[in-house]
Amino acid sequence: MPKPKRIEEVLQELDAIVQESIKTNSRHGLFAYVYWRTTLEIASEIAKGNFEDNQRLEILDVAFANLYLDAYKAYKNNQKLSASWTFAFENIDAPLAIIQHILLGMNTHINLDLAVATASTMSGQPIQDIENDYNKVNDILFQITNELQDRLSRVSPLLFIADLLGKSTDEKLINFSMRKARKQAWNSANLLWALEEGNRKKAIDKIDFVVLQLGKQIKSPKTVILKFVLQFIQIFETKNISKIISKLKLD
């Protein structure tokens, strides 16, 4: 199957992963659903013409998505992939809280893939030209955070404890937020963009190593309190993965 070239094709492939995960009771669908929902929002904004350069933003979004889709297919086919994606996928069946599984995917896809996709998309042109649209995506994602948390509360009823301890969002509790990650990805993208093509691979490997360490912290937080809170939250979560994903999708 050829790689998606339009954002509508990305949505179709993400939905296919979600549907497959429902059938096979796979946790792959947890991150895939959240990614599908956020991509749907970006697609809506592109269709409305709300970016400075809608075509370029779509090119970036598709390049970004293809890195996840490629990694997913590589894992399924026992092919080599980045260390951080390998870690995330190999822990897909680990007994973790739902939010941890989602954040393992977000960690690698944003901190690594977004930097790579942005740098490659803007190769040969000023990277600052896309900065305003990049930041607009941040604002759009921030606007649907509450919706996503409401959906997660359907299957993780004690997730509010993480909210309370984080004083704002569950992401803050484990020192990870979408906005913070995207800011770091922008910094990494600028670094990669400024390098000659022959030096990018080494830099990407270094970023991958750092992202891997973050993934390990998401899986096994250093603080005893955080470990206890996440384990306690997990006890009361829905255990059937197919039901979890189906409940997340309900409007």
C-alpha atoms as a PDB file:
ATOM      1  CA  MET A   1       0.000   0.000   0.000  1.00  0.00           C
ATOM      2  CA  PRO A   2       1.470   3.404  -0.962  1.00  0.00           C
ATOM      3  CA  LYS A   3       2.168   5.955   1.744  1.00  0.00           C
ATOM      4  CA  PRO A   4      -0.546   8.536   2.399  1.00  0.00           C
ATOM      5  CA  LYS A   5      -0.101  11.767   0.454  1.00  0.00           C
ATOM      6  CA  ARG A   6      -3.140  13.626   1.781  1.00  0.00           C
ATOM      7  CA  ILE A   7      -4.317  14.123   5.333  1.00  0.00           C
ATOM      8  CA  GLU A   8      -7.568  12.299   4.519  1.00  0.00           C
ATOM      9  CA  GLU A   9      -5.504   9.213   3.663  1.00  0.00           C
ATOM     10  CA  VAL A  10      -3.648   9.556   6.979  1.00  0.00           C
ATOM     11  CA  LEU A  11      -6.971   9.563   8.822  1.00  0.00           C
ATOM     12  CA  GLN A  12      -8.020   6.413   6.975  1.00  0.00           C
ATOM     13  CA  GLU A  13      -4.831   4.568   7.928  1.00  0.00           C
ATOM     14  CA  LEU A  14      -5.040   5.666  11.561  1.00  0.00           C
ATOM     15  CA  ASP A  15      -8.661   4.566  11.710  1.00  0.00           C
ATOM     16  CA  ALA A  16      -7.656   1.212  10.232  1.00  0.00           C
ATOM     17  CA  ILE A  17      -5.199   0.724  13.115  1.00  0.00           C
ATOM     18  CA  VAL A  18      -7.921   1.672  15.594  1.00  0.00           C
ATOM     19  CA  GLN A  19     -10.402  -0.776  14.041  1.00  0.00           C
ATOM     20  CA  GLU A  20      -7.808  -3.546  13.930  1.00  0.00           C
ATOM     21  CA  SER A  21      -6.979  -2.879  17.580  1.00  0.00           C
ATOM     22  CA  ILE A  22     -10.638  -3.186  18.539  1.00  0.00           C
ATOM     23  CA  LYS A  23     -10.827  -6.563  16.788  1.00  0.00           C
ATOM     24  CA  THR A  24      -7.583  -7.859  18.287  1.00  0.00           C
ATOM     25  CA  ASN A  25      -7.933  -6.229  21.721  1.00  0.00           C
ATOM     26  CA  SER A  26      -4.612  -4.421  21.179  1.00  0.00           C
ATOM     27  CA  ARG A  27      -3.305  -1.413  23.113  1.00  0.00           C
ATOM     28  CA  HIS A  28      -1.892  -0.045  19.835  1.00  0.00           C
ATOM     29  CA  GLY A  29      -5.304   1.509  19.408  1.00  0.00           C
ATOM     30  CA  LEU A  30      -4.966   3.757  22.461  1.00  0.00           C
ATOM     31  CA  PHE A  31      -2.363   6.070  20.969  1.00  0.00           C
ATOM     32  CA  ALA A  32      -3.725   5.560  17.454  1.00  0.00           C
ATOM     33  CA  TYR A  33      -7.148   6.838  18.520  1.00  0.00           C
ATOM     34  CA  VAL A  34      -5.769   9.959  20.221  1.00  0.00           C
ATOM     35  CA  TYR A  35      -3.594  10.583  17.171  1.00  0.00           C
ATOM     36  CA  TRP A  36      -6.585  10.113  14.848  1.00  0.00           C
ATOM     37  CA  ARG A  37      -8.670  12.564  16.887  1.00  0.00           C
ATOM     38  CA  THR A  38      -5.981  15.273  16.931  1.00  0.00           C
ATOM     39  CA  THR A  39      -5.270  14.785  13.216  1.00  0.00           C
ATOM     40  CA  LEU A  40      -8.974  15.128  12.497  1.00  0.00           C
ATOM     41  CA  GLU A  41      -8.924  18.510  14.214  1.00  0.00           C
ATOM     42  CA  ILE A  42      -5.924  19.661  12.173  1.00  0.00           C
ATOM     43  CA  ALA A  43      -7.601  18.436   8.973  1.00  0.00           C
ATOM     44  CA  SER A  44     -10.671  20.499   9.840  1.00  0.00           C
ATOM     45  CA  GLU A  45      -8.581  23.642  10.302  1.00  0.00           C
ATOM     46  CA  ILE A  46      -6.768  23.041   7.002  1.00  0.00           C
ATOM     47  CA  ALA A  47     -10.105  22.605   5.218  1.00  0.00           C
ATOM     48  CA  LYS A  48     -11.224  25.948   6.635  1.00  0.00           C
ATOM     49  CA  GLY A  49      -8.035  27.590   5.362  1.00  0.00           C
ATOM     50  CA  ASN A  50      -6.990  28.716   8.831  1.00  0.00           C
ATOM     51  CA  PHE A  51      -3.227  28.449   8.336  1.00  0.00           C
ATOM     52  CA  GLU A  52      -0.871  30.878   6.633  1.00  0.00           C
ATOM     53  CA  ASP A  53       0.107  28.146   4.174  1.00  0.00           C
ATOM     54  CA  ASN A  54      -2.441  25.331   4.336  1.00  0.00           C
ATOM     55  CA  GLN A  55      -0.786  23.228   1.650  1.00  0.00           C
ATOM     56  CA  ARG A  56       2.591  23.326   3.387  1.00  0.00           C
ATOM     57  CA  LEU A  57       1.052  22.508   6.755  1.00  0.00           C
ATOM     58  CA  GLU A  58      -0.664  19.488   5.220  1.00  0.00           C
ATOM     59  CA  ILE A  59       2.633  18.345   3.689  1.00  0.00           C
ATOM     60  CA  LEU A  60       4.230  18.552   7.130  1.00  0.00           C
ATOM     61  CA  ASP A  61       1.349  16.774   8.831  1.00  0.00           C
ATOM     62  CA  VAL A  62       1.413  13.923   6.309  1.00  0.00           C
ATOM     63  CA  ALA A  63       5.214  13.565   6.555  1.00  0.00           C
ATOM     64  CA  PHE A  64       4.857  13.540  10.341  1.00  0.00           C
ATOM     65  CA  ALA A  65       2.137  10.889  10.296  1.00  0.00           C
ATOM     66  CA  ASN A  66       4.029   8.672   7.881  1.00  0.00           C
ATOM     67  CA  LEU A  67       6.879   8.369  10.374  1.00  0.00           C
ATOM     68  CA  TYR A  68       4.480   6.788  12.874  1.00  0.00           C
ATOM     69  CA  LEU A  69       2.775   4.642  10.249  1.00  0.00           C
ATOM     70  CA  ASP A  70       6.168   3.460   8.971  1.00  0.00           C
ATOM     71  CA  ALA A  71       7.284   2.628  12.503  1.00  0.00           C
ATOM     72  CA  TYR A  72       4.062   0.736  13.216  1.00  0.00           C
ATOM     73  CA  LYS A  73       4.396  -1.328  10.037  1.00  0.00           C
ATOM     74  CA  ALA A  74       8.099  -1.933  10.666  1.00  0.00           C
ATOM     75  CA  TYR A  75       7.331  -3.267  14.145  1.00  0.00           C
ATOM     76  CA  LYS A  76       4.565  -5.487  12.811  1.00  0.00           C
ATOM     77  CA  ASN A  77       6.972  -6.902  10.219  1.00  0.00           C
ATOM     78  CA  ASN A  78       9.877  -7.352  12.661  1.00  0.00           C
ATOM     79  CA  GLN A  79      11.932  -4.717  10.874  1.00  0.00           C
ATOM     80  CA  LYS A  80      14.447  -2.347  12.419  1.00  0.00           C
ATOM     81  CA  LEU A  81      13.168   0.957  13.785  1.00  0.00           C
ATOM     82  CA  SER A  82      14.268   3.680  16.185  1.00  0.00           C
ATOM     83  CA  ALA A  83      15.199   2.771  19.759  1.00  0.00           C
ATOM     84  CA  SER A  84      12.438   4.931  21.243  1.00  0.00           C
ATOM     85  CA  TRP A  85       9.714   3.449  19.025  1.00  0.00           C
ATOM     86  CA  THR A  86      11.052  -0.032  19.723  1.00  0.00           C
ATOM     87  CA  PHE A  87      10.721   0.645  23.461  1.00  0.00           C
ATOM     88  CA  ALA A  88       7.184   2.009  23.098  1.00  0.00           C
ATOM     89  CA  PHE A  89       5.995  -0.904  20.969  1.00  0.00           C
ATOM     90  CA  GLU A  90       7.731  -3.582  23.050  1.00  0.00           C
ATOM     91  CA  ASN A  91       5.865  -2.315  26.118  1.00  0.00           C
ATOM     92  CA  ILE A  92       2.486  -2.329  24.401  1.00  0.00           C
ATOM     93  CA  ASP A  93       1.340  -5.205  26.626  1.00  0.00           C
ATOM     94  CA  ALA A  94       2.970  -3.930  29.811  1.00  0.00           C
ATOM     95  CA  PRO A  95       0.578  -3.525  32.779  1.00  0.00           C
ATOM     96  CA  LEU A  96       0.552   0.275  32.690  1.00  0.00           C
ATOM     97  CA  ALA A  97      -2.145   2.904  33.123  1.00  0.00           C
ATOM     98  CA  ILE A  98      -3.934   3.917  29.932  1.00  0.00           C
ATOM     99  CA  ILE A  99      -2.396   7.384  30.050  1.00  0.00           C
ATOM    100  CA  GLN A 100       1.102   5.853  30.212  1.00  0.00           C
ATOM    101  CA  HIS A 101       0.507   3.839  27.040  1.00  0.00           C
ATOM    102  CA  ILE A 102      -0.738   6.942  25.241  1.00  0.00           C
ATOM    103  CA  LEU A 103       2.185   9.038  26.448  1.00  0.00           C
ATOM    104  CA  LEU A 104       4.733   6.435  25.376  1.00  0.00           C
ATOM    105  CA  GLY A 105       3.497   6.929  21.827  1.00  0.00           C
ATOM    106  CA  MET A 106       3.265  10.698  22.124  1.00  0.00           C
ATOM    107  CA  ASN A 107       6.773  10.903  23.553  1.00  0.00           C
ATOM    108  CA  THR A 108       8.475   9.319  20.561  1.00  0.00           C
ATOM    109  CA  HIS A 109       6.184  10.700  17.899  1.00  0.00           C
ATOM    110  CA  ILE A 110       6.433  14.307  19.035  1.00  0.00           C
ATOM    111  CA  ASN A 111       9.925  14.520  20.498  1.00  0.00           C
ATOM    112  CA  LEU A 112      11.547  12.563  17.670  1.00  0.00           C
ATOM    113  CA  ASP A 113       9.290  12.247  14.625  1.00  0.00           C
ATOM    114  CA  LEU A 114       7.973  15.808  14.634  1.00  0.00           C
ATOM    115  CA  ALA A 115      11.488  17.229  14.700  1.00  0.00           C
ATOM    116  CA  VAL A 116      12.544  15.014  11.791  1.00  0.00           C
ATOM    117  CA  ALA A 117       9.414  15.751   9.757  1.00  0.00           C
ATOM    118  CA  THR A 118       9.643  19.511  10.277  1.00  0.00           C
ATOM    119  CA  ALA A 119      13.312  19.679   9.335  1.00  0.00           C
ATOM    120  CA  SER A 120      12.797  17.570   6.197  1.00  0.00           C
ATOM    121  CA  THR A 121       9.685  19.460   5.120  1.00  0.00           C
ATOM    122  CA  MET A 122      11.507  22.795   5.348  1.00  0.00           C
ATOM    123  CA  SER A 123      14.764  21.582   3.812  1.00  0.00           C
ATOM    124  CA  GLY A 124      16.045  24.153   1.361  1.00  0.00           C
ATOM    125  CA  GLN A 125      13.801  26.927   2.645  1.00  0.00           C
ATOM    126  CA  PRO A 126      13.758  29.099   5.794  1.00  0.00           C
ATOM    127  CA  ILE A 127      12.385  27.012   8.656  1.00  0.00           C
ATOM    128  CA  GLN A 128      11.029  30.181  10.285  1.00  0.00           C
ATOM    129  CA  ASP A 129       8.503  30.422   7.437  1.00  0.00           C
ATOM    130  CA  ILE A 130       6.467  27.630   9.032  1.00  0.00           C
ATOM    131  CA  GLU A 131       6.830  28.733  12.664  1.00  0.00           C
ATOM    132  CA  ASN A 132       3.521  30.594  12.908  1.00  0.00           C
ATOM    133  CA  ASP A 133       1.552  27.648  11.536  1.00  0.00           C
ATOM    134  CA  TYR A 134       3.525  25.262  13.747  1.00  0.00           C
ATOM    135  CA  ASN A 135       2.531  27.310  16.791  1.00  0.00           C
ATOM    136  CA  LYS A 136      -1.067  27.506  15.621  1.00  0.00           C
ATOM    137  CA  VAL A 137      -1.174  23.713  15.710  1.00  0.00           C
ATOM    138  CA  ASN A 138      -0.031  23.946  19.348  1.00  0.00           C
ATOM    139  CA  ASP A 139      -3.004  26.200  20.111  1.00  0.00           C
ATOM    140  CA  ILE A 140      -5.442  23.898  18.314  1.00  0.00           C
ATOM    141  CA  LEU A 141      -4.215  20.838  20.208  1.00  0.00           C
ATOM    142  CA  PHE A 142      -4.410  22.722  23.496  1.00  0.00           C
ATOM    143  CA  GLN A 143      -8.048  23.586  22.758  1.00  0.00           C
ATOM    144  CA  ILE A 144      -9.079  19.919  22.511  1.00  0.00           C
ATOM    145  CA  THR A 145      -7.138  18.770  25.589  1.00  0.00           C
ATOM    146  CA  ASN A 146     -10.238  18.950  27.791  1.00  0.00           C
ATOM    147  CA  GLU A 147     -12.230  16.897  25.314  1.00  0.00           C
ATOM    148  CA  LEU A 148      -9.553  14.207  25.243  1.00  0.00           C
ATOM    149  CA  GLN A 149      -9.350  14.140  29.032  1.00  0.00           C
ATOM    150  CA  ASP A 150     -13.142  13.808  29.252  1.00  0.00           C
ATOM    151  CA  ARG A 151     -12.966  10.866  26.869  1.00  0.00           C
ATOM    152  CA  LEU A 152     -10.177   9.263  28.893  1.00  0.00           C
ATOM    153  CA  SER A 153     -12.170   9.661  32.105  1.00  0.00           C
ATOM    154  CA  ARG A 154     -14.774   7.284  30.624  1.00  0.00           C
ATOM    155  CA  VAL A 155     -12.275   4.430  30.832  1.00  0.00           C
ATOM    156  CA  SER A 156      -9.974   5.752  33.550  1.00  0.00           C
ATOM    157  CA  PRO A 157     -12.331   7.122  36.238  1.00  0.00           C
ATOM    158  CA  LEU A 158      -9.567   8.051  38.686  1.00  0.00           C
ATOM    159  CA  LEU A 159      -7.527  10.008  36.165  1.00  0.00           C
ATOM    160  CA  PHE A 160      -8.699  13.151  37.968  1.00  0.00           C
ATOM    161  CA  ILE A 161      -6.263  12.263  40.768  1.00  0.00           C
ATOM    162  CA  ALA A 162      -3.420  12.866  38.357  1.00  0.00           C
ATOM    163  CA  ASP A 163      -5.056  16.148  37.402  1.00  0.00           C
ATOM    164  CA  LEU A 164      -5.204  17.246  41.018  1.00  0.00           C
ATOM    165  CA  LEU A 165      -1.621  16.279  41.760  1.00  0.00           C
ATOM    166  CA  GLY A 166      -0.441  17.936  38.566  1.00  0.00           C
ATOM    167  CA  LYS A 167      -2.463  21.070  39.455  1.00  0.00           C
ATOM    168  CA  SER A 168      -3.479  21.314  35.803  1.00  0.00           C
ATOM    169  CA  THR A 169      -3.145  18.233  33.623  1.00  0.00           C
ATOM    170  CA  ASP A 170      -2.148  14.627  33.999  1.00  0.00           C
ATOM    171  CA  GLU A 171       0.739  15.295  31.602  1.00  0.00           C
ATOM    172  CA  LYS A 172       2.341  17.650  34.109  1.00  0.00           C
ATOM    173  CA  LEU A 173       2.294  14.877  36.694  1.00  0.00           C
ATOM    174  CA  ILE A 174       4.783  12.892  34.667  1.00  0.00           C
ATOM    175  CA  ASN A 175       6.680  15.918  33.429  1.00  0.00           C
ATOM    176  CA  PHE A 176       5.304  15.630  29.943  1.00  0.00           C
ATOM    177  CA  SER A 177       2.933  17.899  28.066  1.00  0.00           C
ATOM    178  CA  MET A 178       2.056  18.123  24.410  1.00  0.00           C
ATOM    179  CA  ARG A 179       2.914  21.819  24.297  1.00  0.00           C
ATOM    180  CA  LYS A 180       6.245  21.311  26.064  1.00  0.00           C
ATOM    181  CA  ALA A 181       7.118  18.398  23.790  1.00  0.00           C
ATOM    182  CA  ARG A 182       6.240  20.339  20.646  1.00  0.00           C
ATOM    183  CA  LYS A 183       8.418  23.245  21.802  1.00  0.00           C
ATOM    184  CA  GLN A 184      11.345  20.868  22.267  1.00  0.00           C
ATOM    185  CA  ALA A 185      10.597  19.292  18.889  1.00  0.00           C
ATOM    186  CA  TRP A 186      10.785  22.749  17.292  1.00  0.00           C
ATOM    187  CA  ASN A 187      14.217  23.296  18.848  1.00  0.00           C
ATOM    188  CA  SER A 188      15.379  19.895  17.611  1.00  0.00           C
ATOM    189  CA  ALA A 189      13.937  20.584  14.154  1.00  0.00           C
ATOM    190  CA  ASN A 190      15.959  23.802  13.931  1.00  0.00           C
ATOM    191  CA  LEU A 191      19.087  21.877  14.879  1.00  0.00           C
ATOM    192  CA  LEU A 192      18.486  19.186  12.251  1.00  0.00           C
ATOM    193  CA  TRP A 193      17.516  21.727   9.612  1.00  0.00           C
ATOM    194  CA  ALA A 194      20.789  23.605  10.083  1.00  0.00           C
ATOM    195  CA  LEU A 195      22.919  20.477   9.664  1.00  0.00           C
ATOM    196  CA  GLU A 196      24.250  19.138   6.407  1.00  0.00           C
ATOM    197  CA  GLU A 197      22.385  16.046   5.301  1.00  0.00           C
ATOM    198  CA  GLY A 198      25.352  13.789   6.045  1.00  0.00           C
ATOM    199  CA  ASN A 199      25.367  14.853   9.699  1.00  0.00           C
ATOM    200  CA  ARG A 200      21.649  14.532  10.352  1.00  0.00           C
ATOM    201  CA  LYS A 201      21.621  10.776  10.971  1.00  0.00           C
ATOM    202  CA  LYS A 202      24.029  11.088  13.888  1.00  0.00           C
ATOM    203  CA  ALA A 203      22.017  13.950  15.382  1.00  0.00           C
ATOM    204  CA  ILE A 204      18.761  12.015  14.982  1.00  0.00           C
ATOM    205  CA  ASP A 205      20.311   9.051  16.793  1.00  0.00           C
ATOM    206  CA  LYS A 206      21.258  11.330  19.689  1.00  0.00           C
ATOM    207  CA  ILE A 207      17.730  12.711  19.896  1.00  0.00           C
ATOM    208  CA  ASP A 208      16.393   9.156  19.746  1.00  0.00           C
ATOM    209  CA  PHE A 209      18.564   8.203  22.729  1.00  0.00           C
ATOM    210  CA  VAL A 210      17.240  11.118  24.817  1.00  0.00           C
ATOM    211  CA  VAL A 211      13.654  10.305  23.849  1.00  0.00           C
ATOM    212  CA  LEU A 212      14.240   6.693  24.848  1.00  0.00           C
ATOM    213  CA  GLN A 213      15.267   7.839  28.337  1.00  0.00           C
ATOM    214  CA  LEU A 214      12.073   9.893  28.597  1.00  0.00           C
ATOM    215  CA  GLY A 215      10.093   6.837  27.563  1.00  0.00           C
ATOM    216  CA  LYS A 216      11.683   4.806  30.334  1.00  0.00           C
ATOM    217  CA  GLN A 217      10.640   7.479  32.845  1.00  0.00           C
ATOM    218  CA  ILE A 218       7.070   7.405  31.545  1.00  0.00           C
ATOM    219  CA  LYS A 219       6.983   3.643  32.027  1.00  0.00           C
ATOM    220  CA  SER A 220       8.749   3.671  35.404  1.00  0.00           C
ATOM    221  CA  PRO A 221       8.554   7.064  37.139  1.00  0.00           C
ATOM    222  CA  LYS A 222      11.353   7.770  39.579  1.00  0.00           C
ATOM    223  CA  THR A 223       9.156   9.028  42.411  1.00  0.00           C
ATOM    224  CA  VAL A 224       7.414   6.528  44.681  1.00  0.00           C
ATOM    225  CA  ILE A 225       4.308   8.699  44.929  1.00  0.00           C
ATOM    226  CA  LEU A 226       3.896   8.889  41.178  1.00  0.00           C
ATOM    227  CA  LYS A 227       4.358   5.138  40.787  1.00  0.00           C
ATOM    228  CA  PHE A 228       1.723   4.517  43.451  1.00  0.00           C
ATOM    229  CA  VAL A 229      -0.748   6.982  41.916  1.00  0.00           C
ATOM    230  CA  LEU A 230      -0.450   5.447  38.453  1.00  0.00           C
ATOM    231  CA  GLN A 231      -0.778   1.910  39.827  1.00  0.00           C
ATOM    232  CA  PHE A 232      -3.829   2.968  41.844  1.00  0.00           C
ATOM    233  CA  ILE A 233      -5.404   4.614  38.785  1.00  0.00           C
ATOM    234  CA  GLN A 234      -4.789   1.462  36.749  1.00  0.00           C
ATOM    235  CA  ILE A 235      -6.627  -0.756  39.255  1.00  0.00           C
ATOM    236  CA  PHE A 236      -9.924   0.974  38.526  1.00  0.00           C
ATOM    237  CA  GLU A 237      -9.523   1.246  34.768  1.00  0.00           C
ATOM    238  CA  THR A 238     -11.531  -0.754  32.250  1.00  0.00           C
ATOM    239  CA  LYS A 239      -9.441  -3.818  31.379  1.00  0.00           C
ATOM    240  CA  ASN A 240     -10.968  -4.856  28.059  1.00  0.00           C
ATOM    241  CA  ILE A 241      -8.975  -2.908  25.447  1.00  0.00           C
ATOM    242  CA  SER A 242     -11.656  -3.227  22.770  1.00  0.00           C
ATOM    243  CA  LYS A 243     -14.222  -1.697  25.125  1.00  0.00           C
ATOM    244  CA  ILE A 244     -11.762   1.038  26.107  1.00  0.00           C
ATOM    245  CA  ILE A 245     -11.187   2.145  22.515  1.00  0.00           C
ATOM    246  CA  SER A 246     -14.901   1.880  21.675  1.00  0.00           C
ATOM    247  CA  LYS A 247     -15.771   4.089  24.669  1.00  0.00           C
ATOM    248  CA  LEU A 248     -13.113   6.624  23.671  1.00  0.00           C
ATOM    249  CA  LYS A 249     -14.709   6.860  20.231  1.00  0.00           C
ATOM    250  CA  LEU A 250     -18.261   7.456  21.494  1.00  0.00           C
ATOM    251  CA  ASP A 251     -19.618  10.942  20.771  1.00  0.00           C
END
